[in-house]
Amino acid sequence: MTKIQWLSSFDTGISSIDKDHHDLIEAISGVQAALDVDDLESATGLFENFLNMARSHFAREEAFLKKIYFPRIEAHSVAHRELLVMGESIVAQTKNNMDGPQAKKHLEDMVYFLLEDIIKADADFKSYAQEHGAQ
């Protein structure tokens, strides 16, 4: 699998959120590195760490959206909850079946999870936040 690289189009312009996104990409890169050397035990722990980081990120992001009175915060929060359910399912599957090919499939699912938030969900508030001078 190709290493995930940050693209400037992922930037929201909100430094704390962008930092979280960078940290999440780094966490996924750690999972990938563990899988590349077949360290499945480490990869499992790193998967869980990634999900915990995402959960904390979503809480910070939602607090920020409340602060700027983002009008579609409820829909955004629902998207976060759906991603967390997906992530928890992936972690459970990973713990139950961590062979090489399956682990790589779980990594791809986690990458999708991350990019779904950064690209799709956050694009919804990016322009609103910028128009309202939020940083």
Protein backbone atom coordinates (compact mmCIF):
# COMPACT_ATOMS: atom_id res chain seq x y z
CA MET A 1 0.00 0.00 0.00
CA THR A 2 1.23 3.48 -0.85
CA LYS A 3 2.11 5.70 2.08
CA ILE A 4 -0.46 8.40 2.76
CA GLN A 5 0.84 11.86 2.07
CA TRP A 6 -0.62 15.13 3.25
CA LEU A 7 -2.04 17.29 0.48
CA SER A 8 -2.52 21.02 0.92
CA SER A 9 -6.16 20.53 -0.12
CA PHE A 10 -6.66 18.68 3.21
CA ASP A 11 -5.89 21.87 5.16
CA THR A 12 -8.87 23.42 6.86
CA GLY A 13 -7.03 26.58 7.85
CA ILE A 14 -7.73 25.81 11.51
CA SER A 15 -4.35 25.00 13.03
CA SER A 16 -5.56 22.72 15.84
CA ILE A 17 -7.68 20.64 13.47
CA ASP A 18 -4.95 20.47 10.85
CA LYS A 19 -2.48 19.35 13.53
CA ASP A 20 -4.86 16.57 14.58
CA HIS A 21 -5.16 15.48 10.97
CA HIS A 22 -1.38 15.37 10.59
CA ASP A 23 -1.11 13.34 13.82
CA LEU A 24 -3.77 10.91 12.60
CA ILE A 25 -1.94 10.40 9.32
CA GLU A 26 1.25 9.76 11.28
CA ALA A 27 -0.59 7.21 13.42
CA ILE A 28 -1.81 5.39 10.30
CA SER A 29 1.75 5.46 8.97
CA GLY A 30 2.86 3.72 12.17
CA VAL A 31 0.29 0.98 11.63
CA GLN A 32 1.49 0.60 8.07
CA ALA A 33 5.13 0.38 9.17
CA ALA A 34 4.27 -2.34 11.71
CA LEU A 35 2.39 -4.32 9.06
CA ASP A 36 5.25 -3.92 6.58
CA VAL A 37 7.53 -5.85 8.96
CA ASP A 38 4.75 -8.29 9.96
CA ASP A 39 4.61 -6.99 13.54
CA LEU A 40 0.94 -7.80 13.91
CA GLU A 41 0.86 -7.38 17.68
CA SER A 42 2.12 -3.79 17.42
CA ALA A 43 -0.20 -3.10 14.51
CA THR A 44 -3.22 -4.13 16.60
CA GLY A 45 -2.28 -1.73 19.40
CA LEU A 46 -1.60 1.01 16.90
CA PHE A 47 -5.04 0.47 15.33
CA GLU A 48 -6.61 1.01 18.75
CA ASN A 49 -4.46 4.06 19.40
CA PHE A 50 -5.55 5.53 16.07
CA LEU A 51 -9.21 5.08 16.97
CA ASN A 52 -8.69 6.73 20.37
CA MET A 53 -6.93 9.64 18.67
CA ALA A 54 -9.83 9.96 16.21
CA ARG A 55 -12.35 9.96 19.06
CA SER A 56 -10.46 12.80 20.81
CA HIS A 57 -10.10 14.69 17.53
CA PHE A 58 -13.82 14.46 16.85
CA ALA A 59 -14.60 15.85 20.32
CA ARG A 60 -12.24 18.80 19.80
CA GLU A 61 -13.57 19.43 16.34
CA GLU A 62 -17.20 19.38 17.48
CA ALA A 63 -16.38 21.80 20.32
CA PHE A 64 -14.81 24.13 17.76
CA LEU A 65 -17.87 23.88 15.51
CA LYS A 66 -20.17 24.74 18.42
CA LYS A 67 -17.99 27.74 19.21
CA ILE A 68 -18.38 29.13 15.68
CA TYR A 69 -22.11 28.27 15.54
CA PHE A 70 -21.69 25.95 12.57
CA PRO A 71 -25.26 25.44 11.31
CA ARG A 72 -24.80 21.78 10.29
CA ILE A 73 -23.06 20.59 13.43
CA GLU A 74 -25.61 17.88 14.11
CA ALA A 75 -25.08 16.26 10.70
CA HIS A 76 -21.32 16.56 11.18
CA SER A 77 -21.56 14.92 14.61
CA VAL A 78 -23.64 12.10 13.13
CA ALA A 79 -20.93 11.55 10.49
CA HIS A 80 -18.35 11.34 13.29
CA ARG A 81 -20.45 8.81 15.22
CA GLU A 82 -20.85 6.69 12.08
CA LEU A 83 -17.10 6.77 11.47
CA LEU A 84 -16.44 5.73 15.07
CA VAL A 85 -18.81 2.78 14.74
CA MET A 86 -16.96 1.79 11.57
CA GLY A 87 -13.61 2.22 13.32
CA GLU A 88 -14.68 0.16 16.34
CA SER A 89 -15.83 -2.59 14.00
CA ILE A 90 -12.48 -2.53 12.22
CA VAL A 91 -10.58 -2.74 15.52
CA ALA A 92 -12.76 -5.69 16.65
CA GLN A 93 -12.19 -7.47 13.34
CA THR A 94 -8.48 -6.76 13.58
CA LYS A 95 -8.26 -8.35 17.04
CA ASN A 96 -10.13 -11.43 15.81
CA ASN A 97 -8.22 -11.92 12.58
CA MET A 98 -4.80 -10.37 12.26
CA ASP A 99 -3.19 -12.49 9.57
CA GLY A 100 -1.08 -10.63 7.01
CA PRO A 101 -3.54 -10.12 4.14
CA GLN A 102 -6.47 -9.42 6.49
CA ALA A 103 -4.42 -6.94 8.50
CA LYS A 104 -3.56 -5.04 5.33
CA LYS A 105 -7.28 -4.95 4.48
CA HIS A 106 -7.96 -3.45 7.91
CA LEU A 107 -5.28 -0.83 7.26
CA GLU A 108 -7.00 0.12 4.02
CA ASP A 109 -10.28 0.42 5.93
CA MET A 110 -8.64 2.71 8.50
CA VAL A 111 -7.17 4.87 5.74
CA TYR A 112 -10.66 5.18 4.27
CA PHE A 113 -11.95 6.09 7.73
CA LEU A 114 -9.39 8.86 8.06
CA LEU A 115 -9.80 10.28 4.59
CA GLU A 116 -13.59 10.16 4.88
CA ASP A 117 -13.32 12.57 7.79
CA ILE A 118 -10.61 14.83 6.38
CA ILE A 119 -11.92 15.13 2.85
CA LYS A 120 -15.66 14.66 2.99
CA ALA A 121 -16.89 15.59 6.45
CA ASP A 122 -14.50 18.47 7.10
CA ALA A 123 -14.94 20.02 3.66
CA ASP A 124 -18.47 20.83 4.81
CA PHE A 125 -17.30 23.25 7.52
CA LYS A 126 -14.03 24.45 5.98
CA SER A 127 -15.47 27.33 3.96
CA TYR A 128 -17.93 28.28 6.71
CA ALA A 129 -15.10 28.56 9.23
CA GLN A 130 -12.96 30.58 6.86
CA GLU A 131 -15.82 32.94 5.99
CA HIS A 132 -16.38 33.56 9.72
CA GLY A 133 -12.71 34.20 10.45
CA ALA A 134 -12.30 31.12 12.61
CA GLN A 135 -8.78 29.81 13.16
